[in-house]
N, C-alpha and C. Protein backbone atom coordinates (compact mmCIF):
# COMPACT_ATOMS: atom_id res chain seq x y z
N MET A 1 0.73 -1.29 0.02
CA MET A 1 -0.10 -0.10 -0.05
C MET A 1 0.89 1.25 -0.14
N ILE A 2 0.27 2.25 -0.88
CA ILE A 2 1.29 3.51 -0.86
C ILE A 2 1.03 4.30 0.24
N GLN A 3 2.05 4.94 0.82
CA GLN A 3 1.96 5.58 2.01
C GLN A 3 2.09 7.25 1.61
N THR A 4 1.45 8.12 2.42
CA THR A 4 1.49 9.53 2.06
C THR A 4 2.41 10.12 3.28
N HIS A 5 3.20 11.17 2.99
CA HIS A 5 3.90 11.86 3.99
C HIS A 5 3.32 13.25 4.46
N ASN A 6 1.99 13.25 4.14
CA ASN A 6 1.41 14.39 4.49
C ASN A 6 -0.14 14.09 4.71
N PRO A 7 -0.47 13.98 6.09
CA PRO A 7 -1.83 13.59 6.54
C PRO A 7 -2.98 14.48 6.01
N ASP A 8 -2.62 15.71 5.60
CA ASP A 8 -3.67 16.56 5.24
C ASP A 8 -3.60 16.77 3.59
N PHE A 9 -3.33 15.86 3.11
CA PHE A 9 -2.99 15.72 1.55
C PHE A 9 -4.25 16.12 0.89
N GLU A 10 -5.22 15.65 1.30
CA GLU A 10 -6.64 15.99 0.57
C GLU A 10 -6.88 17.51 0.56
N GLN A 11 -6.67 18.14 1.84
CA GLN A 11 -7.22 19.41 1.94
C GLN A 11 -6.08 20.13 1.16
N ASP A 12 -5.00 19.90 1.30
CA ASP A 12 -3.93 20.62 0.60
C ASP A 12 -3.94 20.50 -0.87
N ILE A 13 -4.33 19.33 -1.55
CA ILE A 13 -4.67 19.38 -2.93
C ILE A 13 -5.75 20.37 -3.18
N ARG A 14 -6.84 20.30 -2.46
CA ARG A 14 -8.07 20.91 -2.81
C ARG A 14 -7.76 22.44 -2.91
N GLU A 15 -6.92 22.90 -1.78
CA GLU A 15 -6.30 24.33 -1.98
C GLU A 15 -5.48 24.72 -3.04
N LYS A 16 -4.74 23.71 -3.53
CA LYS A 16 -3.78 23.99 -4.75
C LYS A 16 -4.70 24.12 -5.79
N LEU A 17 -5.82 22.98 -5.89
CA LEU A 17 -6.70 23.29 -7.06
C LEU A 17 -7.41 24.62 -7.37
N GLN A 18 -7.59 25.22 -6.10
CA GLN A 18 -8.29 26.69 -6.23
C GLN A 18 -7.29 27.42 -6.88
N ARG A 19 -6.08 27.44 -6.85
CA ARG A 19 -5.00 28.13 -7.62
C ARG A 19 -4.82 27.76 -8.92
N GLN A 20 -5.21 26.75 -9.46
CA GLN A 20 -4.79 26.14 -10.78
C GLN A 20 -5.74 26.99 -11.73
N GLU A 21 -5.36 28.03 -12.19
CA GLU A 21 -6.04 28.97 -13.30
C GLU A 21 -6.21 28.17 -14.56
N PHE A 22 -5.17 27.53 -15.18
CA PHE A 22 -5.28 26.65 -16.25
C PHE A 22 -6.12 25.85 -16.34
N MET A 23 -6.27 25.04 -15.11
CA MET A 23 -7.52 23.86 -15.12
C MET A 23 -8.89 24.63 -15.25
N LYS A 24 -9.09 25.91 -14.38
CA LYS A 24 -10.28 26.55 -14.51
C LYS A 24 -10.52 26.90 -15.89
N LEU A 25 -9.59 27.47 -16.54
CA LEU A 25 -9.73 27.82 -17.92
C LEU A 25 -10.21 26.62 -18.89
N MET A 26 -9.81 25.50 -18.77
CA MET A 26 -10.09 24.30 -19.17
C MET A 26 -11.45 23.74 -18.95
N GLY A 27 -11.86 24.08 -17.60
CA GLY A 27 -13.13 23.40 -17.15
C GLY A 27 -12.91 22.24 -16.50
N PHE A 28 -11.70 21.67 -16.26
CA PHE A 28 -11.30 20.27 -15.59
C PHE A 28 -11.82 20.39 -13.99
N ASN A 29 -12.47 19.38 -13.68
CA ASN A 29 -12.94 19.13 -12.43
C ASN A 29 -12.31 18.02 -11.63
N VAL A 30 -11.65 17.91 -10.45
CA VAL A 30 -11.27 16.72 -9.93
C VAL A 30 -12.44 16.22 -9.10
N THR A 31 -12.74 14.97 -9.33
CA THR A 31 -13.92 14.18 -8.66
C THR A 31 -13.47 13.27 -7.60
N LYS A 32 -12.33 12.83 -7.57
CA LYS A 32 -11.80 11.87 -6.57
C LYS A 32 -10.39 12.17 -6.27
N ILE A 33 -10.15 12.12 -4.73
CA ILE A 33 -8.81 12.41 -4.38
C ILE A 33 -8.46 11.28 -3.39
N GLU A 34 -7.62 10.46 -3.48
CA GLU A 34 -7.11 9.31 -2.75
C GLU A 34 -5.58 9.37 -2.55
N VAL A 35 -4.94 8.64 -1.59
CA VAL A 35 -3.38 8.65 -1.64
C VAL A 35 -3.07 8.02 -2.84
N GLY A 36 -2.07 8.65 -3.58
CA GLY A 36 -1.64 8.04 -4.89
C GLY A 36 -2.51 7.89 -5.93
N ARG A 37 -3.74 8.46 -6.08
CA ARG A 37 -4.65 8.42 -7.12
C ARG A 37 -5.70 9.59 -6.89
N ILE A 38 -5.77 10.12 -8.25
CA ILE A 38 -6.62 11.27 -8.69
C ILE A 38 -7.36 11.00 -9.81
N GLU A 39 -8.81 11.54 -9.80
CA GLU A 39 -9.66 11.21 -11.00
C GLU A 39 -10.36 12.56 -11.20
N GLY A 40 -10.65 12.92 -12.33
CA GLY A 40 -11.47 14.19 -12.74
C GLY A 40 -12.21 13.98 -14.10
N GLU A 41 -12.92 15.12 -14.47
CA GLU A 41 -13.68 14.97 -15.68
C GLU A 41 -13.60 16.56 -16.32
N LEU A 42 -13.90 16.34 -17.53
CA LEU A 42 -13.88 17.64 -18.40
C LEU A 42 -15.09 17.53 -19.39
N ILE A 43 -15.98 18.37 -19.19
CA ILE A 43 -17.05 18.30 -20.33
C ILE A 43 -16.65 18.97 -21.45
N LEU A 44 -16.75 18.40 -22.46
CA LEU A 44 -16.23 18.67 -23.67
C LEU A 44 -16.81 19.86 -24.48
N GLU A 45 -16.26 21.09 -24.74
CA GLU A 45 -16.70 22.14 -25.53
C GLU A 45 -16.05 22.34 -26.79
N GLN A 46 -16.41 23.16 -27.61
CA GLN A 46 -15.78 23.41 -28.87
C GLN A 46 -14.46 23.98 -28.72
N LYS A 47 -14.15 24.61 -27.53
CA LYS A 47 -12.52 25.00 -27.57
C LYS A 47 -11.84 23.89 -27.19
N HIS A 48 -12.10 22.75 -26.88
CA HIS A 48 -11.33 21.51 -26.64
C HIS A 48 -11.07 20.67 -28.05
N ARG A 49 -11.86 21.22 -29.00
CA ARG A 49 -11.94 20.24 -30.05
C ARG A 49 -11.00 20.84 -31.35
N GLN A 50 -10.67 19.77 -32.21
CA GLN A 50 -10.09 20.18 -33.58
C GLN A 50 -11.05 19.83 -34.38
N HIS A 51 -10.73 19.68 -35.80
CA HIS A 51 -11.46 19.22 -36.91
C HIS A 51 -12.24 17.61 -36.57
N LYS A 52 -13.31 17.52 -37.33
CA LYS A 52 -14.17 16.31 -37.29
C LYS A 52 -14.49 16.10 -35.66
N GLY A 53 -14.34 17.25 -34.70
CA GLY A 53 -14.87 17.07 -33.30
C GLY A 53 -13.96 16.34 -32.57
N PHE A 54 -12.77 15.98 -33.13
CA PHE A 54 -11.71 15.29 -32.28
C PHE A 54 -11.33 16.10 -31.12
N THR A 55 -11.02 15.39 -29.78
CA THR A 55 -10.55 16.35 -28.82
C THR A 55 -8.95 16.46 -29.17
N HIS A 56 -8.58 17.71 -28.89
CA HIS A 56 -7.21 18.17 -29.39
C HIS A 56 -6.36 17.42 -28.28
N GLY A 57 -5.21 16.86 -28.89
CA GLY A 57 -4.30 16.05 -28.22
C GLY A 57 -3.63 16.84 -27.01
N GLY A 58 -3.44 18.03 -27.17
CA GLY A 58 -2.99 18.83 -26.23
C GLY A 58 -3.93 18.73 -25.00
N VAL A 59 -5.16 18.70 -25.29
CA VAL A 59 -6.11 18.75 -24.09
C VAL A 59 -5.87 17.45 -23.46
N ILE A 60 -5.84 16.34 -24.08
CA ILE A 60 -5.75 14.89 -23.40
C ILE A 60 -4.45 14.58 -22.77
N ALA A 61 -3.40 15.15 -23.31
CA ALA A 61 -2.04 15.28 -22.55
C ALA A 61 -2.25 16.10 -21.44
N THR A 62 -2.61 17.25 -21.42
CA THR A 62 -2.71 18.17 -20.19
C THR A 62 -3.64 17.42 -18.89
N LEU A 63 -4.61 16.80 -19.36
CA LEU A 63 -5.54 16.04 -18.31
C LEU A 63 -4.49 14.74 -17.77
N ALA A 64 -3.94 14.16 -18.63
CA ALA A 64 -3.01 13.07 -18.00
C ALA A 64 -1.92 13.66 -17.29
N ASP A 65 -1.36 14.74 -17.43
CA ASP A 65 -0.22 15.52 -16.59
C ASP A 65 -0.94 15.84 -15.48
N ILE A 66 -2.11 16.42 -15.50
CA ILE A 66 -2.75 17.10 -14.04
C ILE A 66 -2.94 15.97 -13.33
N VAL A 67 -3.61 14.95 -13.46
CA VAL A 67 -4.03 13.60 -12.68
C VAL A 67 -2.91 13.04 -12.25
N ALA A 68 -1.78 12.71 -13.05
CA ALA A 68 -0.58 12.11 -12.64
C ALA A 68 0.14 12.97 -11.62
N GLY A 69 0.26 14.21 -11.88
CA GLY A 69 0.94 15.00 -11.06
C GLY A 69 0.34 15.26 -9.55
N PHE A 70 -1.13 15.45 -9.47
CA PHE A 70 -1.61 15.64 -8.25
C PHE A 70 -1.56 13.94 -7.55
N ALA A 71 -1.65 13.05 -8.19
CA ALA A 71 -1.37 11.87 -7.56
C ALA A 71 -0.07 11.67 -6.94
N ALA A 72 0.96 12.33 -7.45
CA ALA A 72 2.20 12.47 -6.85
C ALA A 72 2.18 13.31 -5.81
N VAL A 73 1.64 14.58 -5.91
CA VAL A 73 1.38 15.59 -4.84
C VAL A 73 0.90 14.84 -3.50
N SER A 74 -0.07 13.82 -3.68
CA SER A 74 -0.85 13.33 -2.46
C SER A 74 0.35 12.59 -1.46
N LEU A 75 1.31 12.31 -2.21
CA LEU A 75 2.46 11.43 -1.19
C LEU A 75 3.60 12.26 -0.79
N VAL A 76 3.90 13.30 -1.27
CA VAL A 76 5.18 14.16 -0.81
C VAL A 76 4.52 15.03 0.61
N PRO A 77 5.75 15.28 1.32
CA PRO A 77 5.46 16.25 2.49
C PRO A 77 4.78 17.57 2.05
N LYS A 78 4.03 18.03 2.95
CA LYS A 78 3.50 19.27 2.80
C LYS A 78 4.28 20.49 2.23
N ASP A 79 5.46 20.71 2.65
CA ASP A 79 6.35 21.67 2.16
C ASP A 79 7.23 21.43 0.95
N HIS A 80 6.91 20.29 0.30
CA HIS A 80 7.59 19.84 -0.92
C HIS A 80 6.58 20.21 -2.12
N HIS A 81 7.29 20.05 -3.30
CA HIS A 81 6.45 20.51 -4.54
C HIS A 81 6.68 19.27 -5.73
N VAL A 82 5.80 19.10 -6.49
CA VAL A 82 6.04 18.28 -7.65
C VAL A 82 5.94 18.98 -8.92
N VAL A 83 6.94 18.43 -9.88
CA VAL A 83 6.89 19.13 -11.16
C VAL A 83 7.10 17.94 -12.11
N THR A 84 6.47 17.98 -13.37
CA THR A 84 6.62 17.05 -14.39
C THR A 84 8.06 17.01 -14.79
N ALA A 85 8.91 15.89 -14.83
CA ALA A 85 10.27 15.63 -15.21
C ALA A 85 10.12 15.10 -16.55
N GLU A 86 9.16 14.20 -17.03
CA GLU A 86 8.88 13.57 -18.12
C GLU A 86 7.43 12.98 -18.32
N ILE A 87 6.99 13.09 -19.47
CA ILE A 87 5.46 12.55 -19.86
C ILE A 87 5.47 11.87 -21.29
N LYS A 88 4.99 10.71 -21.37
CA LYS A 88 4.83 9.99 -22.61
C LYS A 88 3.44 9.70 -22.70
N VAL A 89 2.80 10.33 -23.93
CA VAL A 89 1.48 10.04 -23.95
C VAL A 89 1.21 9.02 -25.18
N SER A 90 0.44 7.99 -25.07
CA SER A 90 0.16 7.38 -26.29
C SER A 90 -1.52 7.42 -26.49
N TYR A 91 -1.92 7.57 -27.85
CA TYR A 91 -3.14 7.83 -28.12
C TYR A 91 -3.73 6.75 -28.81
N PHE A 92 -4.96 6.47 -28.61
CA PHE A 92 -5.62 5.15 -29.07
C PHE A 92 -6.94 5.42 -29.94
N HIS A 93 -7.69 6.56 -29.52
CA HIS A 93 -8.86 6.88 -30.32
C HIS A 93 -8.80 8.38 -30.38
N PRO A 94 -9.61 9.03 -31.12
CA PRO A 94 -9.63 10.39 -31.41
C PRO A 94 -10.45 11.26 -30.30
N GLY A 95 -11.21 10.37 -29.56
CA GLY A 95 -11.89 11.28 -28.35
C GLY A 95 -13.05 12.10 -28.74
N VAL A 96 -14.00 11.54 -29.40
CA VAL A 96 -15.06 12.19 -29.71
C VAL A 96 -16.27 11.88 -28.85
N GLY A 97 -16.81 12.69 -28.10
CA GLY A 97 -17.88 12.52 -27.09
C GLY A 97 -18.25 13.56 -26.35
N ALA A 98 -18.92 13.38 -25.13
CA ALA A 98 -19.59 14.46 -24.31
C ALA A 98 -18.67 14.88 -23.08
N LYS A 99 -17.83 13.95 -22.78
CA LYS A 99 -16.73 14.51 -21.75
C LYS A 99 -15.62 13.51 -21.54
N LEU A 100 -14.61 13.93 -21.07
CA LEU A 100 -13.53 13.20 -20.77
C LEU A 100 -13.22 12.88 -19.44
N LEU A 101 -12.80 11.83 -19.07
CA LEU A 101 -12.61 11.21 -17.71
C LEU A 101 -11.11 10.79 -17.65
N ALA A 102 -10.34 11.40 -16.40
CA ALA A 102 -8.93 11.16 -16.36
C ALA A 102 -8.76 10.53 -15.16
N LYS A 103 -7.85 9.56 -15.10
CA LYS A 103 -7.36 8.81 -14.00
C LYS A 103 -5.83 8.98 -13.73
N GLY A 104 -5.44 9.49 -12.61
CA GLY A 104 -4.02 9.16 -12.43
C GLY A 104 -3.39 8.52 -11.15
N TYR A 105 -2.42 7.86 -11.23
CA TYR A 105 -2.17 6.95 -10.08
C TYR A 105 -0.66 6.91 -10.18
N VAL A 106 0.12 6.90 -8.89
CA VAL A 106 1.35 6.62 -8.66
C VAL A 106 1.66 5.06 -8.79
N VAL A 107 2.66 4.51 -9.65
CA VAL A 107 2.88 3.19 -9.71
C VAL A 107 4.16 2.83 -8.87
N LYS A 108 5.06 3.72 -8.80
CA LYS A 108 6.27 3.63 -7.94
C LYS A 108 6.67 4.77 -7.36
N PRO A 109 6.24 4.86 -6.08
CA PRO A 109 6.86 6.16 -5.18
C PRO A 109 8.18 6.20 -4.94
N GLY A 110 8.77 7.15 -4.76
CA GLY A 110 10.18 7.30 -4.37
C GLY A 110 10.53 8.61 -3.64
N LYS A 111 11.57 8.77 -3.12
CA LYS A 111 11.88 10.10 -2.28
C LYS A 111 12.06 11.37 -3.36
N LYS A 112 12.71 11.10 -4.49
CA LYS A 112 13.03 12.19 -5.49
C LYS A 112 12.07 12.09 -6.70
N LEU A 113 11.64 10.85 -6.98
CA LEU A 113 11.08 10.83 -8.25
C LEU A 113 9.67 9.75 -8.06
N ASN A 114 8.65 9.98 -8.42
CA ASN A 114 7.50 9.23 -8.38
C ASN A 114 7.03 8.92 -9.95
N PHE A 115 6.94 7.60 -10.17
CA PHE A 115 6.35 7.22 -11.34
C PHE A 115 4.99 6.90 -11.44
N CYS A 116 4.24 7.64 -12.48
CA CYS A 116 3.05 7.58 -12.38
C CYS A 116 2.42 7.04 -13.74
N GLU A 117 1.11 6.65 -13.76
CA GLU A 117 0.52 6.53 -14.90
C GLU A 117 -0.84 7.45 -14.97
N ALA A 118 -1.21 7.57 -16.26
CA ALA A 118 -2.59 8.11 -16.27
C ALA A 118 -3.45 7.58 -17.48
N GLU A 119 -4.73 7.46 -17.49
CA GLU A 119 -5.55 7.02 -18.32
C GLU A 119 -6.72 8.15 -18.68
N VAL A 120 -7.03 8.29 -19.95
CA VAL A 120 -8.10 9.22 -20.34
C VAL A 120 -8.91 8.50 -21.32
N TYR A 121 -10.17 8.81 -20.74
CA TYR A 121 -11.36 8.06 -21.42
C TYR A 121 -12.24 9.19 -21.92
N VAL A 122 -12.96 8.72 -22.92
CA VAL A 122 -14.19 9.58 -23.50
C VAL A 122 -15.41 8.83 -23.09
N GLN A 123 -16.46 9.77 -22.77
CA GLN A 123 -17.79 9.30 -22.30
C GLN A 123 -18.66 9.70 -23.30
N GLN A 124 -19.19 8.81 -24.00
CA GLN A 124 -20.52 9.01 -24.80
C GLN A 124 -21.71 9.30 -23.76
N GLU A 125 -22.65 9.64 -24.54
CA GLU A 125 -23.89 9.77 -23.67
C GLU A 125 -24.61 8.48 -23.19
N THR A 126 -24.48 7.49 -24.08
CA THR A 126 -25.19 6.17 -23.59
C THR A 126 -24.25 5.12 -23.65
N GLU A 127 -22.90 5.22 -23.76
CA GLU A 127 -22.05 4.09 -23.72
C GLU A 127 -21.08 3.98 -22.81
N GLU A 128 -20.34 2.92 -22.50
CA GLU A 128 -19.36 2.86 -21.56
C GLU A 128 -18.27 3.64 -21.91
N PRO A 129 -17.42 4.23 -20.83
CA PRO A 129 -16.26 5.03 -21.27
C PRO A 129 -15.10 4.20 -22.18
N LEU A 130 -14.60 4.94 -23.17
CA LEU A 130 -13.69 4.44 -24.08
C LEU A 130 -12.31 4.92 -23.91
N LEU A 131 -11.41 3.89 -23.45
CA LEU A 131 -9.87 4.38 -23.31
C LEU A 131 -9.43 5.16 -24.54
N ILE A 132 -9.00 6.41 -24.46
CA ILE A 132 -8.52 7.09 -25.74
C ILE A 132 -6.84 7.29 -25.64
N ALA A 133 -6.38 7.36 -24.50
CA ALA A 133 -4.99 7.55 -24.24
C ALA A 133 -4.53 6.92 -22.73
N LYS A 134 -3.38 6.82 -22.94
CA LYS A 134 -2.49 6.33 -21.69
C LYS A 134 -1.20 7.03 -21.85
N ALA A 135 -0.90 7.46 -20.38
CA ALA A 135 0.36 8.20 -20.28
C ALA A 135 1.26 7.66 -19.10
N SER A 136 2.44 7.69 -19.48
CA SER A 136 3.49 7.47 -18.36
C SER A 136 4.28 8.42 -17.99
N THR A 137 4.43 8.79 -16.60
CA THR A 137 5.10 10.22 -16.24
C THR A 137 6.13 9.84 -15.11
N THR A 138 7.11 10.75 -15.21
CA THR A 138 8.07 10.75 -14.13
C THR A 138 7.63 12.24 -13.45
N MET A 139 7.46 12.20 -12.22
CA MET A 139 7.30 13.56 -11.40
C MET A 139 8.28 13.58 -10.45
N ALA A 140 8.86 14.67 -10.42
CA ALA A 140 10.25 15.09 -9.62
C ALA A 140 9.69 15.85 -8.35
N THR A 141 10.01 15.52 -7.30
CA THR A 141 9.97 16.14 -6.10
C THR A 141 10.81 17.27 -5.84
N ILE A 142 10.46 18.48 -5.55
CA ILE A 142 11.24 19.73 -5.30
C ILE A 142 11.09 20.11 -3.78
N THR A 143 12.28 19.82 -2.97
CA THR A 143 12.13 20.12 -1.58
C THR A 143 12.46 21.66 -1.33
N PRO A 144 12.35 21.96 -0.05
CA PRO A 144 12.67 23.71 0.33
C PRO A 144 13.97 23.60 0.24
N GLU A 145 15.00 22.71 0.52
CA GLU A 145 16.36 22.78 0.27
C GLU A 145 16.76 22.97 -1.18
N ASP A 146 16.12 22.45 -2.10
CA ASP A 146 16.33 22.50 -3.58
C ASP A 146 16.05 23.89 -3.79
N ILE A 147 14.98 24.59 -3.56
CA ILE A 147 14.63 25.84 -3.80
C ILE A 147 15.69 26.88 -3.30
N LYS A 148 16.19 26.66 -2.01
CA LYS A 148 17.17 27.57 -1.51
C LYS A 148 18.39 27.36 -2.37
N ASN A 149 19.01 26.25 -2.60
CA ASN A 149 20.18 26.01 -3.51
C ASN A 149 19.98 26.63 -4.72
N ARG A 150 18.75 26.64 -5.39
CA ARG A 150 18.56 27.13 -6.64
C ARG A 150 18.68 28.68 -6.58
N ALA A 151 18.19 29.32 -5.41
CA ALA A 151 18.30 30.85 -5.14
C ALA A 151 19.71 31.33 -4.94
N LYS A 152 20.59 30.34 -4.36
CA LYS A 152 21.87 30.69 -4.11
C LYS A 152 22.64 30.64 -5.39
N ARG A 153 22.58 29.77 -6.30
CA ARG A 153 22.97 29.55 -7.56
C ARG A 153 22.71 30.97 -8.50
N GLU A 154 21.51 31.39 -8.25
CA GLU A 154 21.06 32.28 -9.19
C GLU A 154 21.41 33.77 -8.74
N SER A 155 21.86 33.89 -7.37
CA SER A 155 22.26 35.27 -6.76
C SER A 155 23.68 35.39 -7.09
């Protein structure tokens, strides 16, 4: 079982979500927060689509990045931060539907790196969700000491 280093992770993530302006612009909503796992949904609008009504690949990749990143955030101490070090997204279907569902989870936690995966599904009005993309990510942990050392190097 994956352990958190922050017993207040759920409240802290909800506070961070309030400051996520890009997520607000996209219209993405987190629906589930657990240790090492985040889920959310995006009601698809014209701004999310490209030709033929296909969901833009950048939207899909962004959702995968968001849920994987917050899954990693749920594990780190309160004063630590998480940034994406690497992401690889594989697309399976074009994503035509009413909304996207995204699930992110940590598959291998670590002190400096968390290895995560994300799945993005399209939900049609009357059908089961269809997996349209899967992502593998590496999330790097930034400590307060890392921030101090960077500030020293830049001064």
